């Protein structure tokens, strides 16, 4: 959900129904699985905010948040050093970390099981981010080229080896700037590792196979998850729709091999993983996820059937 000023209303309800929360400039993400803290401190819940630890409180519901005059004590002194202008009231002994602080920085707060951890400088540096963006431009353009190949559009050319090579570079780039503690839960860490494996496996496969839809979708999943710091993003739905469509198109093509069936099984595993970790948790009503995915699968089957029967490209 979007970043709220404090924990009241919907944010308070979601917190009470979950195991923990991740808070950053990209919003609030609630988890049903335990939060993994690599360097945490006790932080019991408070009535007018998220929690408090010593002189520090987190997302307290107040019109006059406090900040230290000077010499912020440990362990969250870096939050004071990096705070942004948020119209705070000077105090000798209290500091409020607010939604305003988080909205203007790359700081992330994790809370779960009565403990809190604060991570600073979580974004990818500017230079590598520009390189990743340029690679993504190529991949998105090539995604359209791959669809054109499937539809036998005149003039479309396979660029599978360039695309596979760029995907490997992208994985190395994102992986280098994604320490393990980037991900809030064990489930997200394993999902990140699986997406990396999915991309590398398809990159090797596409050195011979011309259509690069799957490896590009894998890269899109990787980059969006790293940007938001979570596998639960608004882009999961269109990406798994593409995976499902390509899967059904493969099923309807009269061509079989061990490698083809193996990668189709990998597609199913990726679809299920992204549904469980990134798609279903995005719905407040637990019934909406299954209903939406059934409708999505029907649309994907219809589109995949159309592509399979209108194309000579396999």
Protein backbone atom coordinates (compact mmCIF):
# COMPACT_ATOMS: atom_id res chain seq x y z
CA UNK A 1 0.00 0.00 0.00
CA UNK A 2 1.14 3.63 -0.44
CA UNK A 3 3.33 5.17 2.24
CA UNK A 4 1.04 6.42 5.04
CA UNK A 5 1.86 9.21 7.48
CA UNK A 6 1.51 6.88 10.46
CA UNK A 7 -0.10 3.66 11.59
CA UNK A 8 -3.81 4.39 11.75
CA UNK A 9 -6.79 3.26 9.71
CA UNK A 10 -5.96 0.77 6.92
CA UNK A 11 -2.24 0.72 7.78
CA UNK A 12 -2.97 -0.23 11.39
CA UNK A 13 -5.39 -2.94 10.27
CA UNK A 14 -2.88 -4.44 7.84
CA UNK A 15 -0.16 -4.39 10.50
CA UNK A 16 -2.38 -6.18 13.02
CA UNK A 17 -3.14 -8.91 10.44
CA UNK A 18 0.49 -9.51 9.40
CA UNK A 19 3.80 -10.76 10.79
CA UNK A 20 5.77 -7.68 9.86
CA UNK A 21 6.13 -4.68 7.59
CA UNK A 22 8.68 -3.08 5.28
CA UNK A 23 8.47 0.71 4.97
CA UNK A 24 10.30 2.82 2.41
CA UNK A 25 9.70 5.61 -0.10
CA UNK A 26 7.97 3.01 -2.30
CA UNK A 27 5.25 2.29 0.26
CA UNK A 28 4.34 -0.16 2.99
CA UNK A 29 4.60 -3.89 2.32
CA UNK A 30 3.11 -6.32 4.83
CA UNK A 31 4.26 -9.92 5.19
CA UNK A 32 2.63 -13.13 6.38
CA UNK A 33 6.06 -14.71 6.96
CA UNK A 34 8.64 -13.71 9.60
CA UNK A 35 10.86 -10.72 8.90
CA UNK A 36 14.58 -11.56 8.71
CA UNK A 37 16.58 -9.06 10.77
CA UNK A 38 20.33 -9.00 10.28
CA UNK A 39 20.95 -6.20 12.78
CA UNK A 40 17.86 -5.40 14.82
CA UNK A 41 16.84 -3.90 18.15
CA UNK A 42 13.82 -4.41 20.44
CA UNK A 43 11.00 -2.08 19.46
CA UNK A 44 7.64 -2.76 21.15
CA UNK A 45 4.45 -1.40 19.61
CA UNK A 46 3.12 1.96 20.77
CA UNK A 47 -0.46 3.21 20.71
CA UNK A 48 0.17 6.22 18.46
CA UNK A 49 2.66 4.77 16.00
CA UNK A 50 4.62 1.74 14.88
CA UNK A 51 7.03 1.21 17.78
CA UNK A 52 9.58 2.89 20.04
CA UNK A 53 13.13 2.09 21.11
CA UNK A 54 14.73 4.31 23.73
CA UNK A 55 14.82 7.87 22.42
CA UNK A 56 13.51 6.86 19.02
CA UNK A 57 9.95 6.37 17.78
CA UNK A 58 8.85 5.22 14.33
CA UNK A 59 5.98 6.71 12.32
CA UNK A 60 4.28 8.23 15.33
CA UNK A 61 0.92 9.88 14.66
CA UNK A 62 1.68 13.49 15.53
CA UNK A 63 1.53 16.91 13.92
CA UNK A 64 4.78 17.93 15.65
CA UNK A 65 7.47 15.27 15.24
CA UNK A 66 10.69 15.71 17.22
CA UNK A 67 14.33 15.78 16.19
CA UNK A 68 17.48 15.99 18.28
CA UNK A 69 19.22 19.31 18.73
CA UNK A 70 22.59 17.55 18.37
CA UNK A 71 24.51 14.38 19.26
CA UNK A 72 21.96 11.70 18.42
CA UNK A 73 22.60 8.56 20.50
CA UNK A 74 23.06 5.05 19.11
CA UNK A 75 21.73 2.83 17.59
CA UNK A 76 19.78 4.90 15.04
CA UNK A 77 21.98 8.00 14.97
CA UNK A 78 22.47 7.67 11.21
CA UNK A 79 18.75 8.31 10.74
CA UNK A 80 19.28 11.68 12.40
CA UNK A 81 22.37 12.44 10.31
CA UNK A 82 20.52 11.63 7.09
CA UNK A 83 17.13 13.11 7.95
CA UNK A 84 15.43 15.46 5.52
CA UNK A 85 13.73 18.84 6.21
CA UNK A 86 10.36 17.77 7.56
CA UNK A 87 9.34 20.68 9.84
CA UNK A 88 10.33 18.95 13.05
CA UNK A 89 10.41 20.41 16.56
CA UNK A 90 13.78 20.47 18.30
CA UNK A 91 14.10 18.19 21.31
CA UNK A 92 16.87 17.25 23.73
CA UNK A 93 15.85 13.62 24.14
CA UNK A 94 13.46 12.42 21.44
CA UNK A 95 13.57 11.67 17.71
CA UNK A 96 10.69 10.70 15.43
CA UNK A 97 11.42 8.87 12.20
CA UNK A 98 8.54 9.95 9.98
CA UNK A 99 7.05 9.07 6.61
CA UNK A 100 8.49 12.36 5.37
CA UNK A 101 12.01 11.17 6.21
CA UNK A 102 11.48 7.94 4.30
CA UNK A 103 9.79 9.54 1.29
CA UNK A 104 12.83 11.68 0.54
CA UNK A 105 15.59 9.11 1.11
CA UNK A 106 16.64 5.55 0.29
CA UNK A 107 16.18 4.40 3.90
CA UNK A 108 14.14 1.29 4.69
CA UNK A 109 12.55 0.30 8.00
CA UNK A 110 11.77 -3.34 8.80
CA UNK A 111 9.60 -4.27 11.77
CA UNK A 112 8.51 -7.73 12.86
CA UNK A 113 8.13 -9.81 16.03
CA UNK A 114 8.73 -6.77 18.24
CA UNK A 115 12.06 -5.86 16.64
CA UNK A 116 13.10 -3.12 14.21
CA UNK A 117 16.02 -2.66 11.83
CA UNK A 118 16.86 0.38 9.74
CA UNK A 119 18.80 0.13 6.49
CA UNK A 120 20.29 3.15 4.78
CA UNK A 121 21.57 3.62 1.21
CA UNK A 122 19.48 0.74 -0.14
CA UNK A 123 19.22 2.06 -3.70
CA UNK A 124 21.56 1.09 -6.53
CA UNK A 125 24.14 3.86 -7.20
CA UNK A 126 23.44 6.27 -10.05
CA UNK A 127 26.04 4.97 -12.53
CA UNK A 128 25.06 1.27 -12.39
CA UNK A 129 21.41 2.34 -12.39
CA UNK A 130 21.90 4.17 -15.72
CA UNK A 131 23.60 1.10 -17.21
CA UNK A 132 20.74 -1.12 -16.05
CA UNK A 133 18.21 1.34 -17.50
CA UNK A 134 19.93 1.29 -20.90
CA UNK A 135 19.94 -2.52 -20.91
CA UNK A 136 16.25 -2.49 -20.01
CA UNK A 137 15.49 -0.21 -22.97
CA UNK A 138 17.07 -2.79 -25.27
CA UNK A 139 15.20 -5.65 -23.59
CA UNK A 140 11.82 -3.94 -23.81
CA UNK A 141 12.37 -3.15 -27.51
CA UNK A 142 13.51 -6.72 -28.09
CA UNK A 143 10.40 -8.01 -26.29
CA UNK A 144 8.35 -6.38 -29.02
CA UNK A 145 10.69 -7.91 -31.61
CA UNK A 146 10.17 -11.35 -30.05
CA UNK A 147 6.41 -10.98 -30.24
CA UNK A 148 6.77 -9.89 -33.87
CA UNK A 149 8.78 -13.06 -34.57
CA UNK A 150 6.01 -15.17 -33.09
CA UNK A 151 3.47 -13.44 -35.34
CA UNK A 152 5.67 -13.69 -38.46
CA UNK A 153 5.82 -9.92 -38.88
CA UNK A 154 7.84 -9.02 -41.95
CA UNK A 155 11.23 -7.51 -41.16
CA UNK A 156 11.49 -8.85 -37.61
CA UNK A 157 14.91 -10.27 -36.82
CA UNK A 158 16.11 -12.52 -34.00
CA UNK A 159 18.68 -10.93 -31.72
CA UNK A 160 18.72 -13.74 -29.20
CA UNK A 161 22.46 -13.89 -28.54
CA UNK A 162 22.80 -10.16 -27.87
CA UNK A 163 19.76 -10.29 -25.62
CA UNK A 164 21.03 -13.34 -23.73
CA UNK A 165 24.41 -11.67 -23.21
CA UNK A 166 22.83 -8.45 -21.92
CA UNK A 167 20.65 -10.46 -19.53
CA UNK A 168 23.75 -12.05 -18.02
CA UNK A 169 25.34 -8.61 -17.63
CA UNK A 170 22.16 -7.33 -15.98
CA UNK A 171 22.10 -10.25 -13.53
CA UNK A 172 25.72 -9.59 -12.56
CA UNK A 173 25.02 -5.87 -12.14
CA UNK A 174 21.88 -6.26 -10.05
CA UNK A 175 23.37 -9.11 -8.04
CA UNK A 176 26.47 -7.09 -7.16
CA UNK A 177 24.35 -4.28 -5.71
CA UNK A 178 21.80 -6.54 -4.00
CA UNK A 179 23.19 -7.79 -0.69
CA UNK A 180 21.24 -10.60 0.92
CA UNK A 181 19.70 -8.22 3.46
CA UNK A 182 17.99 -6.31 0.63
CA UNK A 183 15.15 -8.82 0.96
CA UNK A 184 12.95 -8.76 4.06
CA UNK A 185 11.99 -12.43 4.30
CA UNK A 186 13.52 -15.82 3.60
CA UNK A 187 10.83 -16.43 0.97
CA UNK A 188 11.82 -13.29 -0.94
CA UNK A 189 15.50 -14.24 -0.78
CA UNK A 190 14.84 -17.64 -2.31
CA UNK A 191 12.54 -16.05 -4.90
CA UNK A 192 15.32 -13.65 -5.91
CA UNK A 193 17.74 -16.58 -6.24
CA UNK A 194 15.19 -18.50 -8.35
CA UNK A 195 14.67 -15.54 -10.70
CA UNK A 196 18.45 -15.28 -11.17
CA UNK A 197 18.61 -19.01 -11.98
CA UNK A 198 15.65 -18.66 -14.37
CA UNK A 199 17.40 -15.85 -16.28
CA UNK A 200 20.75 -17.62 -16.48
CA UNK A 201 19.16 -20.90 -17.61
CA UNK A 202 17.14 -19.18 -20.34
CA UNK A 203 20.17 -17.11 -21.38
CA UNK A 204 22.07 -20.32 -22.09
CA UNK A 205 19.02 -21.78 -23.88
CA UNK A 206 18.59 -18.68 -26.04
CA UNK A 207 22.07 -18.95 -27.49
CA UNK A 208 20.33 -21.37 -29.89
CA UNK A 209 16.60 -20.67 -29.44
CA UNK A 210 15.61 -17.43 -31.15
CA UNK A 211 12.56 -16.28 -29.18
CA UNK A 212 13.58 -14.43 -26.01
CA UNK A 213 10.24 -13.63 -24.36
CA UNK A 214 10.90 -15.63 -21.19
CA UNK A 215 14.39 -14.39 -20.43
CA UNK A 216 13.27 -10.79 -20.93
CA UNK A 217 10.32 -11.29 -18.57
CA UNK A 218 12.72 -12.77 -16.04
CA UNK A 219 14.89 -9.65 -16.28
CA UNK A 220 11.84 -7.42 -15.84
CA UNK A 221 10.89 -9.35 -12.70
CA UNK A 222 14.43 -9.01 -11.36
CA UNK A 223 14.76 -5.27 -11.97
CA UNK A 224 11.34 -4.27 -10.65
CA UNK A 225 11.79 -6.40 -7.51
CA UNK A 226 15.19 -4.81 -6.86
CA UNK A 227 13.87 -1.29 -7.47
CA UNK A 228 11.02 -1.69 -4.97
CA UNK A 229 13.04 -3.91 -2.62
CA UNK A 230 10.30 -6.53 -2.60
CA UNK A 231 8.86 -9.21 -4.89
CA UNK A 232 5.36 -7.79 -4.39
CA UNK A 233 5.06 -5.12 -7.08
CA UNK A 234 2.27 -3.89 -9.32
CA UNK A 235 4.13 -5.27 -12.34
CA UNK A 236 3.96 -8.94 -11.35
CA UNK A 237 0.54 -9.40 -12.98
CA UNK A 238 1.51 -8.45 -16.57
CA UNK A 239 4.78 -10.35 -16.31
CA UNK A 240 3.23 -13.64 -15.21
CA UNK A 241 0.56 -13.14 -17.87
CA UNK A 242 3.33 -13.13 -20.48
CA UNK A 243 4.85 -16.27 -18.96
CA UNK A 244 1.46 -18.03 -19.02
CA UNK A 245 0.73 -16.93 -22.61
CA UNK A 246 4.08 -18.17 -23.85
CA UNK A 247 3.57 -21.45 -21.94
CA UNK A 248 0.21 -22.12 -23.61
CA UNK A 249 1.65 -21.20 -26.99
CA UNK A 250 4.41 -23.77 -26.44
CA UNK A 251 1.85 -26.40 -25.40
CA UNK A 252 -0.09 -25.97 -28.63
CA UNK A 253 2.94 -26.22 -30.92
CA UNK A 254 3.57 -29.71 -32.28
CA UNK A 255 7.17 -29.89 -31.31
CA UNK A 256 8.69 -31.62 -28.31
CA UNK A 257 12.12 -32.16 -26.82
CA UNK A 258 13.54 -32.80 -23.38
CA UNK A 259 14.88 -29.24 -23.18
CA UNK A 260 11.56 -27.75 -24.29
CA UNK A 261 9.56 -29.69 -21.70
CA UNK A 262 12.14 -28.87 -19.05
CA UNK A 263 11.85 -25.14 -19.67
CA UNK A 264 8.07 -25.38 -19.75
CA UNK A 265 8.28 -26.92 -16.29
CA UNK A 266 10.51 -24.01 -15.26
CA UNK A 267 7.86 -21.60 -16.56
CA UNK A 268 5.21 -23.29 -14.41
CA UNK A 269 7.46 -23.07 -11.36
CA UNK A 270 8.10 -19.37 -11.98
CA UNK A 271 4.41 -18.63 -12.49
CA UNK A 272 3.47 -20.38 -9.24
CA UNK A 273 6.30 -18.71 -7.30
CA UNK A 274 5.41 -15.22 -8.48
CA UNK A 275 1.72 -15.85 -7.82
CA UNK A 276 2.37 -16.96 -4.23
CA UNK A 277 5.03 -14.38 -3.36
CA UNK A 278 4.18 -11.34 -5.46
CA UNK A 279 0.65 -11.52 -6.88
CA UNK A 280 -1.72 -13.01 -4.29
CA UNK A 281 -0.41 -10.93 -1.31
CA UNK A 282 -1.22 -7.70 -3.17
CA UNK A 283 -4.97 -8.25 -2.63
CA UNK A 284 -6.59 -7.32 0.68
CA UNK A 285 -9.37 -9.85 0.04
CA UNK A 286 -7.92 -13.38 -0.04
CA UNK A 287 -10.48 -14.50 -2.62
CA UNK A 288 -9.53 -11.88 -5.19
CA UNK A 289 -6.15 -13.43 -6.00
CA UNK A 290 -7.47 -16.85 -7.10
CA UNK A 291 -10.34 -15.29 -9.05
CA UNK A 292 -8.02 -12.91 -10.88
CA UNK A 293 -5.50 -15.60 -11.74
CA UNK A 294 -8.24 -17.85 -13.19
CA UNK A 295 -9.37 -15.00 -15.45
CA UNK A 296 -5.74 -14.29 -16.34
CA UNK A 297 -5.08 -17.92 -17.28
CA UNK A 298 -8.15 -18.00 -19.52
CA UNK A 299 -6.99 -14.84 -21.34
CA UNK A 300 -3.45 -16.23 -21.59
CA UNK A 301 -4.74 -19.51 -23.04
CA UNK A 302 -6.85 -17.64 -25.61
CA UNK A 303 -3.95 -15.44 -26.69
CA UNK A 304 -1.49 -18.33 -26.69
CA UNK A 305 -3.87 -20.38 -28.86
CA UNK A 306 -4.21 -17.49 -31.30
CA UNK A 307 -0.41 -17.06 -31.57
CA UNK A 308 0.19 -20.81 -31.95
CA UNK A 309 -2.29 -21.16 -34.78
CA UNK A 310 -1.30 -17.98 -36.64
CA UNK A 311 2.45 -18.44 -36.59
CA UNK A 312 4.92 -20.69 -38.30
CA UNK A 313 7.65 -19.66 -35.81
CA UNK A 314 8.01 -22.13 -32.97
